[in-house]
Structure formats: structure tokens, C-alpha cells
């Protein structure tokens, strides 16, 4: 079992920045990839960014050049640095990990609101 706790969400004006954090506990030695997803009101959950154990990253087209995913393996933490935020980035952001035995774990989510 892996437990995930996200933090860092909040209200920010368009053009602003936020950094989300997600710390894993439990069977952390089995963690393979880590990722951030988001779900806007009335929409399906979508992938934002992923990062592998070796540090390879992948981003959704909507966030390329604005968001950066990183991980600190010593702290069992994954980050999402979000710059140049837009109102359409408003969503609940979820941390996700996939373990070596292909189990999926999710955090409870953190709300990001981009508005004036």
C-alpha cells in the first residue's frame, strides 16, 4: 500500500505561479512512475505530467512550457511547478503513482483556482 498526500493548491491570479507537492508513504520502494492529473468541473480527469524513476518526463500539450514536474526520491516527493497559470488550469489536481506490480494509487486532490 502507498499513501499520498498533496499540498500547495490555492487561489492564484492569471499569470501567477503555484507549486504542488505530493509525498508518498508506505510501500515506497515499489513506486515506479509518479504523475499529476487534474479534473475540472464537469470534465473528465486528464493527465497533466508524468515522471519516471530515472527522471524522464512527459507533459500534456496544454501545459508544455508552463508546468514542470520533478521528483525527490530521497523525500519520496513529486512536485508540479505551475507557471503562467490560466483560468482554464482551474481544477482539482491529483497525485498518482504506479508501483512495480502495476498498482495505481491516488491522493485525495488539491484544488487550484486561477481567477481574478
C-alpha atoms as a PDB file:
ATOM      1  CA  UNK A   1       0.000   0.000   0.000  1.00  0.00           C
ATOM      2  CA  UNK A   2       1.077   3.540  -0.778  1.00  0.00           C
ATOM      3  CA  UNK A   3      -0.429   6.655   0.783  1.00  0.00           C
ATOM      4  CA  UNK A   4      -0.232  10.015  -0.977  1.00  0.00           C
ATOM      5  CA  UNK A   5      -0.739  13.483   0.478  1.00  0.00           C
ATOM      6  CA  UNK A   6      -0.896  16.523  -1.777  1.00  0.00           C
ATOM      7  CA  UNK A   7      -0.399  20.144  -0.804  1.00  0.00           C
ATOM      8  CA  UNK A   8       0.150  23.530  -2.374  1.00  0.00           C
ATOM      9  CA  UNK A   9      -3.155  24.297  -4.036  1.00  0.00           C
ATOM     10  CA  UNK A  10      -4.954  27.593  -3.670  1.00  0.00           C
ATOM     11  CA  UNK A  11      -6.220  30.701  -5.385  1.00  0.00           C
ATOM     12  CA  UNK A  12      -3.918  32.496  -7.786  1.00  0.00           C
ATOM     13  CA  UNK A  13      -4.390  35.251 -10.361  1.00  0.00           C
ATOM     14  CA  UNK A  14      -3.924  34.571 -14.071  1.00  0.00           C
ATOM     15  CA  UNK A  15      -0.238  34.660 -14.929  1.00  0.00           C
ATOM     16  CA  UNK A  16       0.747  33.594 -11.425  1.00  0.00           C
ATOM     17  CA  UNK A  17       2.554  30.520 -10.151  1.00  0.00           C
ATOM     18  CA  UNK A  18       1.965  27.691  -7.718  1.00  0.00           C
ATOM     19  CA  UNK A  19       3.940  24.639  -6.699  1.00  0.00           C
ATOM     20  CA  UNK A  20       2.166  21.444  -5.780  1.00  0.00           C
ATOM     21  CA  UNK A  21       3.782  18.747  -3.685  1.00  0.00           C
ATOM     22  CA  UNK A  22       2.859  15.124  -3.148  1.00  0.00           C
ATOM     23  CA  UNK A  23       4.587  12.980  -0.552  1.00  0.00           C
ATOM     24  CA  UNK A  24       4.334   9.218  -0.576  1.00  0.00           C
ATOM     25  CA  UNK A  25       4.484   6.894   2.397  1.00  0.00           C
ATOM     26  CA  UNK A  26       4.042   3.189   2.938  1.00  0.00           C
ATOM     27  CA  UNK A  27       5.479   0.739   0.424  1.00  0.00           C
ATOM     28  CA  UNK A  28       7.509   3.434  -1.289  1.00  0.00           C
ATOM     29  CA  UNK A  29      10.167   1.063  -2.569  1.00  0.00           C
ATOM     30  CA  UNK A  30       7.697  -0.275  -5.086  1.00  0.00           C
ATOM     31  CA  UNK A  31       6.968   3.109  -6.662  1.00  0.00           C
ATOM     32  CA  UNK A  32       7.764   3.316 -10.352  1.00  0.00           C
ATOM     33  CA  UNK A  33       6.250   6.300 -12.142  1.00  0.00           C
ATOM     34  CA  UNK A  34       4.667   9.338 -10.499  1.00  0.00           C
ATOM     35  CA  UNK A  35       2.237  11.698 -12.130  1.00  0.00           C
ATOM     36  CA  UNK A  36      -0.159  14.586 -11.759  1.00  0.00           C
ATOM     37  CA  UNK A  37      -3.689  14.504 -13.134  1.00  0.00           C
ATOM     38  CA  UNK A  38      -6.397  17.142 -12.958  1.00  0.00           C
ATOM     39  CA  UNK A  39     -10.151  17.260 -13.150  1.00  0.00           C
ATOM     40  CA  UNK A  40     -12.001  20.450 -13.966  1.00  0.00           C
ATOM     41  CA  UNK A  41     -15.682  20.891 -13.087  1.00  0.00           C
ATOM     42  CA  UNK A  42     -17.847  18.908 -15.472  1.00  0.00           C
ATOM     43  CA  UNK A  43     -14.863  17.343 -17.238  1.00  0.00           C
ATOM     44  CA  UNK A  44     -13.053  14.029 -17.144  1.00  0.00           C
ATOM     45  CA  UNK A  45      -9.825  13.575 -15.258  1.00  0.00           C
ATOM     46  CA  UNK A  46      -6.853  14.195 -17.536  1.00  0.00           C
ATOM     47  CA  UNK A  47      -3.154  13.538 -17.375  1.00  0.00           C
ATOM     48  CA  UNK A  48      -1.017  16.621 -16.750  1.00  0.00           C
ATOM     49  CA  UNK A  49       2.519  15.260 -16.418  1.00  0.00           C
ATOM     50  CA  UNK A  50       4.442  12.117 -15.586  1.00  0.00           C
ATOM     51  CA  UNK A  51       7.942  11.348 -14.370  1.00  0.00           C
ATOM     52  CA  UNK A  52       9.701   8.005 -14.185  1.00  0.00           C
ATOM     53  CA  UNK A  53      12.165   6.782 -11.588  1.00  0.00           C
ATOM     54  CA  UNK A  54      15.005   7.767 -13.914  1.00  0.00           C
ATOM     55  CA  UNK A  55      13.607  11.261 -14.364  1.00  0.00           C
ATOM     56  CA  UNK A  56      12.089  11.013 -17.824  1.00  0.00           C
ATOM     57  CA  UNK A  57       9.126  13.359 -18.143  1.00  0.00           C
ATOM     58  CA  UNK A  58       6.049  13.722 -20.291  1.00  0.00           C
ATOM     59  CA  UNK A  59       3.547  16.582 -20.449  1.00  0.00           C
ATOM     60  CA  UNK A  60       0.093  17.243 -21.787  1.00  0.00           C
ATOM     61  CA  UNK A  61       0.181  19.674 -24.703  1.00  0.00           C
ATOM     62  CA  UNK A  62      -1.912  22.175 -22.735  1.00  0.00           C
ATOM     63  CA  UNK A  63       0.796  22.637 -20.102  1.00  0.00           C
ATOM     64  CA  UNK A  64       4.031  22.210 -22.068  1.00  0.00           C
ATOM     65  CA  UNK A  65       6.397  25.087 -21.460  1.00  0.00           C
ATOM     66  CA  UNK A  66       4.456  26.267 -18.396  1.00  0.00           C
ATOM     67  CA  UNK A  67       4.483  23.339 -15.974  1.00  0.00           C
ATOM     68  CA  UNK A  68       7.458  21.341 -14.712  1.00  0.00           C
ATOM     69  CA  UNK A  69       7.256  18.007 -12.925  1.00  0.00           C
ATOM     70  CA  UNK A  70      10.125  16.857 -10.731  1.00  0.00           C
ATOM     71  CA  UNK A  71      10.714  14.330  -8.003  1.00  0.00           C
ATOM     72  CA  UNK A  72      12.947  13.977  -4.974  1.00  0.00           C
ATOM     73  CA  UNK A  73      13.400  10.261  -4.473  1.00  0.00           C
ATOM     74  CA  UNK A  74      15.103  10.785  -1.098  1.00  0.00           C
ATOM     75  CA  UNK A  75      11.984  12.579   0.158  1.00  0.00           C
ATOM     76  CA  UNK A  76       9.532  10.369  -1.742  1.00  0.00           C
ATOM     77  CA  UNK A  77       8.003  13.535  -3.113  1.00  0.00           C
ATOM     78  CA  UNK A  78       6.865  14.674  -6.534  1.00  0.00           C
ATOM     79  CA  UNK A  79       6.376  18.330  -7.388  1.00  0.00           C
ATOM     80  CA  UNK A  80       4.489  20.242 -10.023  1.00  0.00           C
ATOM     81  CA  UNK A  81       5.717  23.762 -10.648  1.00  0.00           C
ATOM     82  CA  UNK A  82       2.986  25.673 -12.449  1.00  0.00           C
ATOM     83  CA  UNK A  83       3.831  28.996 -14.092  1.00  0.00           C
ATOM     84  CA  UNK A  84       1.855  31.357 -16.304  1.00  0.00           C
ATOM     85  CA  UNK A  85      -1.357  29.940 -14.937  1.00  0.00           C
ATOM     86  CA  UNK A  86      -4.557  30.398 -16.913  1.00  0.00           C
ATOM     87  CA  UNK A  87      -8.200  30.256 -15.813  1.00  0.00           C
ATOM     88  CA  UNK A  88      -8.534  27.003 -17.746  1.00  0.00           C
ATOM     89  CA  UNK A  89      -5.962  25.431 -15.405  1.00  0.00           C
ATOM     90  CA  UNK A  90      -8.569  25.610 -12.639  1.00  0.00           C
ATOM     91  CA  UNK A  91      -9.140  22.068 -11.418  1.00  0.00           C
ATOM     92  CA  UNK A  92      -8.605  19.598  -8.635  1.00  0.00           C
ATOM     93  CA  UNK A  93      -5.091  18.240  -9.071  1.00  0.00           C
ATOM     94  CA  UNK A  94      -4.424  14.623  -8.114  1.00  0.00           C
ATOM     95  CA  UNK A  95      -1.152  12.870  -7.449  1.00  0.00           C
ATOM     96  CA  UNK A  96      -0.814   9.356  -8.854  1.00  0.00           C
ATOM     97  CA  UNK A  97       1.794   6.652  -8.518  1.00  0.00           C
ATOM     98  CA  UNK A  98       2.150   3.328 -10.251  1.00  0.00           C
ATOM     99  CA  UNK A  99       4.065   0.611  -8.466  1.00  0.00           C
ATOM    100  CA  UNK A 100       6.317  -2.092  -9.865  1.00  0.00           C
ATOM    101  CA  UNK A 101       3.417  -4.546  -9.692  1.00  0.00           C
ATOM    102  CA  UNK A 102       1.276  -2.100 -11.693  1.00  0.00           C
ATOM    103  CA  UNK A 103      -0.949  -0.987  -8.819  1.00  0.00           C
ATOM    104  CA  UNK A 104      -2.438   2.515  -9.056  1.00  0.00           C
ATOM    105  CA  UNK A 105      -2.648   4.830  -6.032  1.00  0.00           C
ATOM    106  CA  UNK A 106      -4.243   8.262  -5.838  1.00  0.00           C
ATOM    107  CA  UNK A 107      -4.133  11.200  -3.495  1.00  0.00           C
ATOM    108  CA  UNK A 108      -7.296  12.999  -2.389  1.00  0.00           C
ATOM    109  CA  UNK A 109      -6.559  16.001  -4.553  1.00  0.00           C
ATOM    110  CA  UNK A 110      -5.786  19.670  -4.056  1.00  0.00           C
ATOM    111  CA  UNK A 111      -7.821  22.491  -5.573  1.00  0.00           C
ATOM    112  CA  UNK A 112      -6.179  25.046  -7.819  1.00  0.00           C
ATOM    113  CA  UNK A 113      -8.268  28.077  -8.730  1.00  0.00           C
ATOM    114  CA  UNK A 114      -6.986  30.607 -11.260  1.00  0.00           C
ATOM    115  CA  UNK A 115      -9.116  33.713 -11.136  1.00  0.00           C
ATOM    116  CA  UNK A 116      -9.107  37.454 -10.658  1.00  0.00           C
END
